[in-house]
């Protein structure tokens, strides 16, 4: 591995089992992550804020609850990082925006944070985000090489897990903001179906696409986090009949610029799935992904303009230039044009998914290239954004390193509201093949 700043933070299921069985102290666990933050924060800058004192105090409570056989849920005593556009009681939410640097501490939890706390999680702190989850970058860096971007907009959420400072974090996706940082940082993430997880207490960008997502080292960890917040952890894991699973590698002109290092990962993934007994086939996309990109972008800028126009009341120097421009661009789109675009996207979604049966798992490259050098850009979102536009669940699976020793990987996608099916599939291949268990250090 290329950097001492990369570390596997641990498997969520294993950590919970050890805590539940009194083999691991929540206080010792928290202290190990506090030490790791102290070792990495000055270079990686993945955290916006944290409250070690409060986290240790909560860990002591969780430890006593274990002694009393009062386990709250499957994240009992496990710390989680929260993207800094998501409200968490006791922490400021500053959106990485100069206009909000003196904001008050949040007095209420977002819906996602409330679900995490109910499952026993300890909110360790807030992770860095691009400004209001758009393009103006955050200070966070890539643990594999601090000279490279960790991606965005959930930059700190990705790098906090990849640097071993927390085993789970939460981000949000409007374009590629959950799945891309996961691949760039060499970890995994689960972006649920658009609209299927509460966005209460999360700053909106483009509500048609805004969706919380969950990070962990492996696809099993990402699914574990998703299943808890979605309450799917209450349901038994269903075994998959390989003959019923239809795996399709989507071919589209959008990927004509793919780096051979990335296309190699697609071929290796298909080979590994075939070895596991799955039928894998290639099919051309029934809709052009470049068209999906255009429709998605037009809706996004219109909704961003409407939702963030209040920022125009602040001095321009307090708002990032790219965010400021997109708000102005969005306000120049009329409702008739937006409605027409939305109708076109809905027709494209129907056309795409009606071409495949409900049990289809889609494979697609996550990125054209690994994370670029520099922090001025968060990288290329165009391979992921069409899938966000299609609205179904998306899993990022890091599968290897390119020639520059930076992470690359793939997307695993499914029909809208087939999130649990995709989660079951990911858990199945995780348990049956080391290839799908995350990057090896």
Protein backbone atom coordinates (compact mmCIF):
# COMPACT_ATOMS: atom_id res chain seq x y z
CA UNK A 1 0.00 0.00 0.00
CA UNK A 2 1.21 3.47 -0.84
CA UNK A 3 0.65 5.35 2.41
CA UNK A 4 0.93 5.01 6.17
CA UNK A 5 -2.27 7.04 6.42
CA UNK A 6 -4.38 4.10 5.19
CA UNK A 7 -5.75 1.70 7.78
CA UNK A 8 -8.63 -0.76 7.96
CA UNK A 9 -10.81 0.56 10.83
CA UNK A 10 -12.41 -2.82 11.48
CA UNK A 11 -15.42 -4.85 10.44
CA UNK A 12 -18.67 -3.48 11.89
CA UNK A 13 -20.28 -6.87 12.53
CA UNK A 14 -17.13 -8.16 14.26
CA UNK A 15 -16.80 -5.03 16.39
CA UNK A 16 -20.42 -5.31 17.50
CA UNK A 17 -20.08 -9.02 18.30
CA UNK A 18 -16.97 -8.38 20.39
CA UNK A 19 -18.68 -5.58 22.31
CA UNK A 20 -21.85 -7.64 22.82
CA UNK A 21 -19.82 -10.62 24.05
CA UNK A 22 -17.85 -8.38 26.46
CA UNK A 23 -14.59 -9.05 24.60
CA UNK A 24 -14.11 -5.42 23.55
CA UNK A 25 -14.64 -2.34 25.67
CA UNK A 26 -16.43 0.56 23.93
CA UNK A 27 -14.11 2.90 25.84
CA UNK A 28 -11.01 1.14 24.55
CA UNK A 29 -12.47 1.19 21.05
CA UNK A 30 -13.19 4.92 21.15
CA UNK A 31 -9.72 5.63 22.51
CA UNK A 32 -8.13 3.68 19.66
CA UNK A 33 -9.92 5.88 17.11
CA UNK A 34 -9.09 9.05 19.06
CA UNK A 35 -5.41 8.07 18.90
CA UNK A 36 -5.70 7.41 15.18
CA UNK A 37 -7.30 10.82 14.60
CA UNK A 38 -4.47 12.45 16.53
CA UNK A 39 -1.98 10.61 14.31
CA UNK A 40 -3.58 11.56 10.97
CA UNK A 41 -5.73 14.69 11.26
CA UNK A 42 -2.98 17.26 10.65
CA UNK A 43 -2.20 15.72 7.26
CA UNK A 44 -5.50 14.20 6.06
CA UNK A 45 -7.86 16.81 7.61
CA UNK A 46 -10.78 14.43 7.30
CA UNK A 47 -12.60 15.77 10.37
CA UNK A 48 -14.29 19.15 10.60
CA UNK A 49 -14.99 18.80 14.33
CA UNK A 50 -15.11 16.18 17.04
CA UNK A 51 -15.92 15.91 20.73
CA UNK A 52 -13.62 13.30 22.28
CA UNK A 53 -14.79 14.05 25.81
CA UNK A 54 -18.45 13.50 24.95
CA UNK A 55 -17.63 10.39 22.89
CA UNK A 56 -15.70 8.81 25.76
CA UNK A 57 -18.48 9.71 28.19
CA UNK A 58 -21.03 8.01 25.91
CA UNK A 59 -18.72 5.01 25.50
CA UNK A 60 -18.65 4.58 29.28
CA UNK A 61 -22.46 4.58 29.27
CA UNK A 62 -22.50 2.01 26.45
CA UNK A 63 -20.05 -0.15 28.42
CA UNK A 64 -22.27 -0.10 31.49
CA UNK A 65 -25.25 -0.98 29.30
CA UNK A 66 -23.36 -4.04 28.06
CA UNK A 67 -22.69 -5.07 31.66
CA UNK A 68 -26.41 -4.64 32.35
CA UNK A 69 -27.27 -6.71 29.22
CA UNK A 70 -28.98 -3.67 27.72
CA UNK A 71 -27.73 -3.71 24.13
CA UNK A 72 -29.41 -0.88 22.21
CA UNK A 73 -28.79 -2.23 18.73
CA UNK A 74 -26.25 -3.46 16.17
CA UNK A 75 -24.08 -0.33 16.45
CA UNK A 76 -23.85 -0.42 20.24
CA UNK A 77 -20.67 1.35 21.30
CA UNK A 78 -19.45 1.88 17.73
CA UNK A 79 -18.40 5.40 16.65
CA UNK A 80 -19.71 7.00 13.46
CA UNK A 81 -18.69 10.13 11.54
CA UNK A 82 -21.32 12.47 10.09
CA UNK A 83 -20.97 14.68 7.01
CA UNK A 84 -21.12 18.35 7.92
CA UNK A 85 -24.34 19.11 6.08
CA UNK A 86 -26.20 16.67 8.36
CA UNK A 87 -27.42 17.97 11.70
CA UNK A 88 -26.29 16.15 14.82
CA UNK A 89 -27.23 17.42 18.27
CA UNK A 90 -24.23 18.92 20.06
CA UNK A 91 -22.25 19.76 16.91
CA UNK A 92 -22.17 22.79 14.66
CA UNK A 93 -23.26 22.31 11.06
CA UNK A 94 -21.19 24.73 8.99
CA UNK A 95 -21.58 23.30 5.45
CA UNK A 96 -17.89 24.20 4.78
CA UNK A 97 -19.17 27.73 4.12
CA UNK A 98 -17.55 30.92 5.42
CA UNK A 99 -20.98 32.47 5.91
CA UNK A 100 -21.79 29.85 8.57
CA UNK A 101 -18.51 29.62 10.48
CA UNK A 102 -20.09 31.15 13.60
CA UNK A 103 -23.31 29.14 13.48
CA UNK A 104 -24.86 27.76 16.67
CA UNK A 105 -24.59 24.16 17.80
CA UNK A 106 -27.38 21.97 16.43
CA UNK A 107 -30.06 21.26 19.01
CA UNK A 108 -31.73 18.39 17.15
CA UNK A 109 -30.60 15.25 15.35
CA UNK A 110 -31.34 14.58 11.72
CA UNK A 111 -33.42 11.49 11.03
CA UNK A 112 -30.37 9.48 10.03
CA UNK A 113 -28.40 10.44 13.14
CA UNK A 114 -31.39 9.63 15.34
CA UNK A 115 -31.56 6.17 13.76
CA UNK A 116 -27.84 5.66 14.38
CA UNK A 117 -28.08 6.71 18.02
CA UNK A 118 -31.10 4.44 18.48
CA UNK A 119 -28.94 1.55 17.26
CA UNK A 120 -26.35 2.38 19.92
CA UNK A 121 -23.89 4.35 17.80
CA UNK A 122 -21.63 7.04 19.25
CA UNK A 123 -21.44 10.18 17.12
CA UNK A 124 -17.71 10.93 17.13
CA UNK A 125 -17.83 14.11 15.08
CA UNK A 126 -18.49 15.88 11.79
CA UNK A 127 -16.54 15.07 8.64
CA UNK A 128 -15.52 17.60 6.02
CA UNK A 129 -17.74 18.31 3.02
CA UNK A 130 -17.42 20.42 -0.07
CA UNK A 131 -19.33 23.68 0.31
CA UNK A 132 -23.03 22.82 0.67
CA UNK A 133 -22.17 19.47 -0.97
CA UNK A 134 -21.34 21.05 -4.33
CA UNK A 135 -17.99 21.51 -6.11
CA UNK A 136 -16.01 24.02 -4.00
CA UNK A 137 -13.59 21.63 -2.26
CA UNK A 138 -12.95 20.85 1.39
CA UNK A 139 -9.53 20.57 3.10
CA UNK A 140 -9.78 16.76 3.28
CA UNK A 141 -7.10 14.70 1.53
CA UNK A 142 -6.79 11.17 0.20
CA UNK A 143 -5.15 8.80 2.71
CA UNK A 144 -3.54 6.81 -0.11
CA UNK A 145 -1.68 9.93 -1.20
CA UNK A 146 -2.38 13.27 0.51
CA UNK A 147 -1.53 15.09 -2.71
CA UNK A 148 -4.65 13.61 -4.34
CA UNK A 149 -8.31 14.47 -3.83
CA UNK A 150 -10.46 12.10 -1.75
CA UNK A 151 -13.39 12.97 -4.01
CA UNK A 152 -16.49 14.87 -3.11
CA UNK A 153 -18.72 16.02 -1.89
CA UNK A 154 -18.50 13.61 1.07
CA UNK A 155 -14.73 14.00 1.09
CA UNK A 156 -14.17 13.69 4.83
CA UNK A 157 -16.63 10.82 5.18
CA UNK A 158 -14.62 8.76 2.71
CA UNK A 159 -11.17 9.66 4.02
CA UNK A 160 -12.18 9.23 7.68
CA UNK A 161 -12.94 5.54 7.12
CA UNK A 162 -10.01 4.96 4.75
CA UNK A 163 -7.58 6.47 7.26
CA UNK A 164 -8.82 4.14 10.01
CA UNK A 165 -10.24 6.88 12.23
CA UNK A 166 -13.79 5.52 12.33
CA UNK A 167 -15.37 2.25 11.08
CA UNK A 168 -18.49 3.88 9.63
CA UNK A 169 -19.44 7.29 8.31
CA UNK A 170 -22.42 8.91 6.64
CA UNK A 171 -22.38 11.06 3.52
CA UNK A 172 -24.92 12.27 0.99
CA UNK A 173 -25.18 11.89 -2.77
CA UNK A 174 -26.76 14.18 -5.34
CA UNK A 175 -24.45 13.33 -8.22
CA UNK A 176 -21.60 11.01 -7.18
CA UNK A 177 -20.85 12.28 -3.69
CA UNK A 178 -21.04 8.98 -1.80
CA UNK A 179 -19.88 6.43 -4.34
CA UNK A 180 -16.92 8.35 -5.80
CA UNK A 181 -15.10 9.15 -2.51
CA UNK A 182 -15.44 5.48 -1.59
CA UNK A 183 -13.63 4.37 -4.75
CA UNK A 184 -11.04 7.15 -4.65
CA UNK A 185 -10.25 6.30 -1.02
CA UNK A 186 -10.29 2.52 -1.53
CA UNK A 187 -13.29 1.63 0.63
CA UNK A 188 -16.98 0.84 0.04
CA UNK A 189 -20.27 2.73 0.16
CA UNK A 190 -23.99 2.07 -0.19
CA UNK A 191 -26.19 4.75 -1.79
CA UNK A 192 -29.85 3.70 -1.32
CA UNK A 193 -32.72 4.30 -3.73
CA UNK A 194 -33.43 8.01 -4.06
CA UNK A 195 -36.13 9.04 -1.62
CA UNK A 196 -36.06 5.81 0.39
CA UNK A 197 -34.16 7.18 3.42
CA UNK A 198 -35.24 10.24 5.39
CA UNK A 199 -33.46 13.50 4.58
CA UNK A 200 -34.91 15.31 7.59
CA UNK A 201 -32.19 17.52 9.08
CA UNK A 202 -29.97 17.36 5.98
CA UNK A 203 -29.25 20.52 3.99
CA UNK A 204 -30.91 20.14 0.57
CA UNK A 205 -29.08 20.61 -2.71
CA UNK A 206 -31.33 18.95 -5.30
CA UNK A 207 -34.04 16.99 -3.45
CA UNK A 208 -34.90 14.77 -6.43
CA UNK A 209 -31.50 13.15 -5.98
CA UNK A 210 -30.28 13.98 -2.44
CA UNK A 211 -29.78 10.69 -0.61
CA UNK A 212 -27.84 9.72 2.54
CA UNK A 213 -25.25 7.00 2.01
CA UNK A 214 -23.13 4.78 4.22
CA UNK A 215 -19.39 4.10 4.25
CA UNK A 216 -17.38 1.16 5.55
CA UNK A 217 -14.17 -0.63 4.68
CA UNK A 218 -15.88 -3.43 2.75
CA UNK A 219 -19.16 -3.93 0.94
CA UNK A 220 -20.31 -5.89 3.99
CA UNK A 221 -19.70 -2.86 6.22
CA UNK A 222 -21.45 -0.48 3.82
CA UNK A 223 -24.47 -2.80 3.65
CA UNK A 224 -24.42 -3.23 7.44
CA UNK A 225 -24.79 0.52 7.92
CA UNK A 226 -27.52 0.78 5.30
CA UNK A 227 -29.49 -2.14 6.72
CA UNK A 228 -29.53 -0.58 10.18
CA UNK A 229 -30.76 2.86 9.14
CA UNK A 230 -33.31 1.36 6.73
CA UNK A 231 -34.40 -1.13 9.44
CA UNK A 232 -33.61 -4.03 7.11
CA UNK A 233 -31.44 -5.48 9.89
CA UNK A 234 -34.70 -6.59 11.50
CA UNK A 235 -35.31 -8.94 8.57
CA UNK A 236 -33.57 -12.31 8.06
CA UNK A 237 -30.85 -12.44 5.40
CA UNK A 238 -32.20 -14.27 2.37
CA UNK A 239 -29.96 -16.73 0.56
CA UNK A 240 -29.64 -16.14 -3.17
CA UNK A 241 -30.37 -18.68 -5.85
CA UNK A 242 -27.64 -18.05 -8.41
CA UNK A 243 -29.91 -19.15 -11.24
CA UNK A 244 -32.35 -16.37 -10.36
CA UNK A 245 -29.70 -13.63 -10.33
CA UNK A 246 -29.21 -11.86 -13.63
CA UNK A 247 -25.85 -10.04 -13.74
CA UNK A 248 -25.42 -7.55 -16.57
CA UNK A 249 -22.31 -5.58 -17.42
CA UNK A 250 -23.66 -2.40 -19.03
CA UNK A 251 -21.90 -1.13 -22.15
CA UNK A 252 -22.22 2.54 -23.10
CA UNK A 253 -20.26 5.09 -25.13
CA UNK A 254 -19.84 7.18 -21.97
CA UNK A 255 -16.94 4.96 -20.90
CA UNK A 256 -14.90 5.43 -24.09
CA UNK A 257 -12.28 7.32 -22.05
CA UNK A 258 -11.84 4.61 -19.42
CA UNK A 259 -8.33 3.92 -18.18
CA UNK A 260 -7.15 0.34 -18.87
CA UNK A 261 -6.47 -0.07 -15.13
CA UNK A 262 -10.17 0.47 -14.47
CA UNK A 263 -11.51 -1.63 -17.35
CA UNK A 264 -9.28 -4.43 -16.06
CA UNK A 265 -11.20 -4.33 -12.77
CA UNK A 266 -14.48 -4.81 -14.61
CA UNK A 267 -13.13 -7.87 -16.42
CA UNK A 268 -11.69 -9.32 -13.20
CA UNK A 269 -14.99 -8.75 -11.41
CA UNK A 270 -16.93 -10.55 -14.13
CA UNK A 271 -14.48 -13.45 -13.98
CA UNK A 272 -14.78 -13.70 -10.19
CA UNK A 273 -18.59 -13.69 -10.37
CA UNK A 274 -18.52 -16.42 -12.99
CA UNK A 275 -16.23 -18.45 -10.73
CA UNK A 276 -18.87 -18.11 -8.01
CA UNK A 277 -21.41 -19.65 -10.37
CA UNK A 278 -23.27 -16.56 -11.53
CA UNK A 279 -24.32 -16.00 -15.12
CA UNK A 280 -22.77 -12.74 -16.36
CA UNK A 281 -23.57 -11.10 -19.68
CA UNK A 282 -22.82 -7.84 -21.46
CA UNK A 283 -25.63 -5.64 -22.77
CA UNK A 284 -25.77 -2.20 -24.32
CA UNK A 285 -27.63 0.38 -22.29
CA UNK A 286 -31.15 0.94 -23.67
CA UNK A 287 -30.73 4.67 -22.95
CA UNK A 288 -27.69 6.81 -23.64
CA UNK A 289 -25.83 7.63 -20.46
CA UNK A 290 -24.71 10.97 -21.88
CA UNK A 291 -28.40 11.88 -22.20
CA UNK A 292 -28.95 10.87 -18.59
CA UNK A 293 -26.06 13.12 -17.58
CA UNK A 294 -27.65 16.09 -19.35
CA UNK A 295 -31.09 15.51 -17.84
CA UNK A 296 -29.67 14.99 -14.37
CA UNK A 297 -27.57 18.15 -14.57
CA UNK A 298 -30.45 20.34 -15.75
CA UNK A 299 -32.68 19.16 -12.91
CA UNK A 300 -29.85 19.50 -10.40
CA UNK A 301 -29.02 23.11 -11.20
CA UNK A 302 -32.68 24.16 -11.22
CA UNK A 303 -33.31 22.59 -7.81
CA UNK A 304 -30.03 23.93 -6.39
CA UNK A 305 -30.98 27.43 -7.47
CA UNK A 306 -34.36 27.16 -5.76
CA UNK A 307 -33.03 25.57 -2.55
CA UNK A 308 -29.91 27.68 -2.04
CA UNK A 309 -30.97 31.06 -3.42
CA UNK A 310 -30.98 32.38 0.16
CA UNK A 311 -27.17 32.33 -0.04
CA UNK A 312 -27.37 35.26 -2.46
CA UNK A 313 -28.29 37.38 0.57
CA UNK A 314 -24.76 36.88 1.93
CA UNK A 315 -21.71 38.80 0.66
CA UNK A 316 -20.33 37.09 -2.44
CA UNK A 317 -16.89 36.66 -0.87
CA UNK A 318 -18.42 34.36 1.76
CA UNK A 319 -19.79 31.92 -0.84
CA UNK A 320 -17.70 29.65 -3.07
CA UNK A 321 -17.52 30.82 -6.70
CA UNK A 322 -18.76 27.57 -8.23
CA UNK A 323 -21.67 27.33 -5.81
CA UNK A 324 -22.57 30.96 -6.43
CA UNK A 325 -22.59 30.43 -10.20
CA UNK A 326 -24.72 27.28 -10.10
CA UNK A 327 -27.34 29.05 -7.98
CA UNK A 328 -27.55 31.86 -10.53
CA UNK A 329 -27.67 29.38 -13.42
CA UNK A 330 -30.46 27.45 -11.73
CA UNK A 331 -32.56 30.54 -11.19
CA UNK A 332 -32.41 31.22 -14.93
CA UNK A 333 -34.22 27.95 -15.75
CA UNK A 334 -38.00 28.29 -15.94
CA UNK A 335 -40.46 25.83 -14.45
CA UNK A 336 -41.70 24.67 -17.87
CA UNK A 337 -38.19 23.63 -18.90
CA UNK A 338 -37.64 21.88 -15.58
CA UNK A 339 -40.93 19.99 -15.81
CA UNK A 340 -40.13 18.88 -19.35
CA UNK A 341 -36.68 17.68 -18.26
CA UNK A 342 -38.13 15.78 -15.32
CA UNK A 343 -40.64 14.04 -17.61
CA UNK A 344 -37.86 13.05 -20.00
CA UNK A 345 -35.83 11.60 -17.15
CA UNK A 346 -38.79 9.61 -15.84
CA UNK A 347 -39.34 8.15 -19.31
CA UNK A 348 -35.65 7.25 -19.52
CA UNK A 349 -35.78 5.54 -16.14
CA UNK A 350 -38.79 3.48 -17.21
CA UNK A 351 -37.17 2.57 -20.53
CA UNK A 352 -33.93 1.49 -18.89
CA UNK A 353 -35.32 -0.73 -16.14
CA UNK A 354 -38.16 -2.19 -18.23
CA UNK A 355 -35.45 -3.72 -20.41
CA UNK A 356 -34.21 -5.93 -17.54
CA UNK A 357 -35.88 -8.25 -15.08
CA UNK A 358 -36.25 -7.22 -11.45
CA UNK A 359 -33.47 -9.54 -10.27
CA UNK A 360 -30.78 -7.87 -12.35
CA UNK A 361 -27.53 -6.74 -10.76
CA UNK A 362 -25.74 -4.21 -12.95
CA UNK A 363 -21.95 -3.87 -13.17
CA UNK A 364 -20.36 -0.63 -14.30
CA UNK A 365 -17.00 1.12 -13.87
CA UNK A 366 -17.08 3.66 -11.06
CA UNK A 367 -14.50 6.08 -12.43
CA UNK A 368 -12.57 6.72 -15.65
CA UNK A 369 -9.33 7.10 -13.67
CA UNK A 370 -8.16 7.01 -10.07
CA UNK A 371 -8.25 10.15 -7.91
CA UNK A 372 -6.50 13.06 -9.63
CA UNK A 373 -3.62 15.04 -8.15
CA UNK A 374 -4.57 18.25 -6.35
CA UNK A 375 -7.43 19.47 -4.20
CA UNK A 376 -8.87 22.06 -6.59
CA UNK A 377 -11.15 19.44 -8.15
CA UNK A 378 -13.01 16.54 -6.56
CA UNK A 379 -12.57 14.42 -9.68
CA UNK A 380 -14.84 13.06 -12.38
CA UNK A 381 -18.44 12.12 -11.43
CA UNK A 382 -19.76 11.21 -14.88
CA UNK A 383 -19.70 7.40 -14.56
CA UNK A 384 -21.74 7.50 -11.34
CA UNK A 385 -24.14 10.39 -12.01
CA UNK A 386 -26.23 8.49 -14.62
CA UNK A 387 -26.91 5.77 -12.05
CA UNK A 388 -27.92 8.42 -9.52
CA UNK A 389 -30.27 9.82 -12.15
CA UNK A 390 -31.73 6.33 -12.65
CA UNK A 391 -32.52 6.49 -8.90
CA UNK A 392 -31.76 2.90 -7.85
CA UNK A 393 -29.32 1.67 -5.16
CA UNK A 394 -25.59 1.84 -5.89
CA UNK A 395 -22.72 0.07 -4.12
CA UNK A 396 -19.09 1.11 -4.56
CA UNK A 397 -16.70 -1.82 -4.42
CA UNK A 398 -12.97 -1.07 -4.36
CA UNK A 399 -11.21 -3.94 -6.11
CA UNK A 400 -7.57 -2.96 -6.57
CA UNK A 401 -4.88 -0.37 -7.25
CA UNK A 402 -3.81 1.17 -10.53
CA UNK A 403 -0.23 1.59 -11.74
CA UNK A 404 0.18 4.66 -9.53
CA UNK A 405 -0.90 2.66 -6.47
CA UNK A 406 -4.19 4.54 -6.17
CA UNK A 407 -7.52 2.72 -5.64
CA UNK A 408 -9.88 1.82 -8.46
CA UNK A 409 -13.12 -0.13 -8.45
CA UNK A 410 -16.60 -0.83 -9.72
CA UNK A 411 -20.27 -0.10 -9.15
CA UNK A 412 -22.90 -2.71 -8.35
CA UNK A 413 -26.41 -1.38 -9.01
CA UNK A 414 -30.01 -2.60 -8.97
CA UNK A 415 -33.58 -1.59 -9.79
CA UNK A 416 -35.13 1.16 -7.65
CA UNK A 417 -36.30 -0.18 -4.28
CA UNK A 418 -34.34 -3.41 -4.76
CA UNK A 419 -31.93 -2.19 -2.09
CA UNK A 420 -32.30 -5.22 0.12
CA UNK A 421 -31.79 -7.50 -2.87
CA UNK A 422 -28.57 -5.66 -3.74
CA UNK A 423 -27.48 -5.81 -0.10
CA UNK A 424 -28.13 -9.57 0.02
CA UNK A 425 -26.14 -10.03 -3.18
CA UNK A 426 -23.21 -8.03 -1.79
CA UNK A 427 -23.21 -9.99 1.46
CA UNK A 428 -23.33 -13.25 -0.51
CA UNK A 429 -20.29 -12.48 -2.67
CA UNK A 430 -18.45 -10.98 0.33
CA UNK A 431 -18.78 -14.24 2.24
CA UNK A 432 -17.82 -16.42 -0.73
CA UNK A 433 -14.87 -14.61 -2.30
CA UNK A 434 -11.90 -12.78 -0.79
CA UNK A 435 -11.87 -10.60 -3.90
CA UNK A 436 -14.93 -8.76 -2.57
CA UNK A 437 -13.73 -8.26 1.02
CA UNK A 438 -12.01 -4.90 0.49
CA UNK A 439 -8.51 -3.72 -0.31
CA UNK A 440 -5.72 -5.76 1.24
CA UNK A 441 -3.14 -3.82 3.25
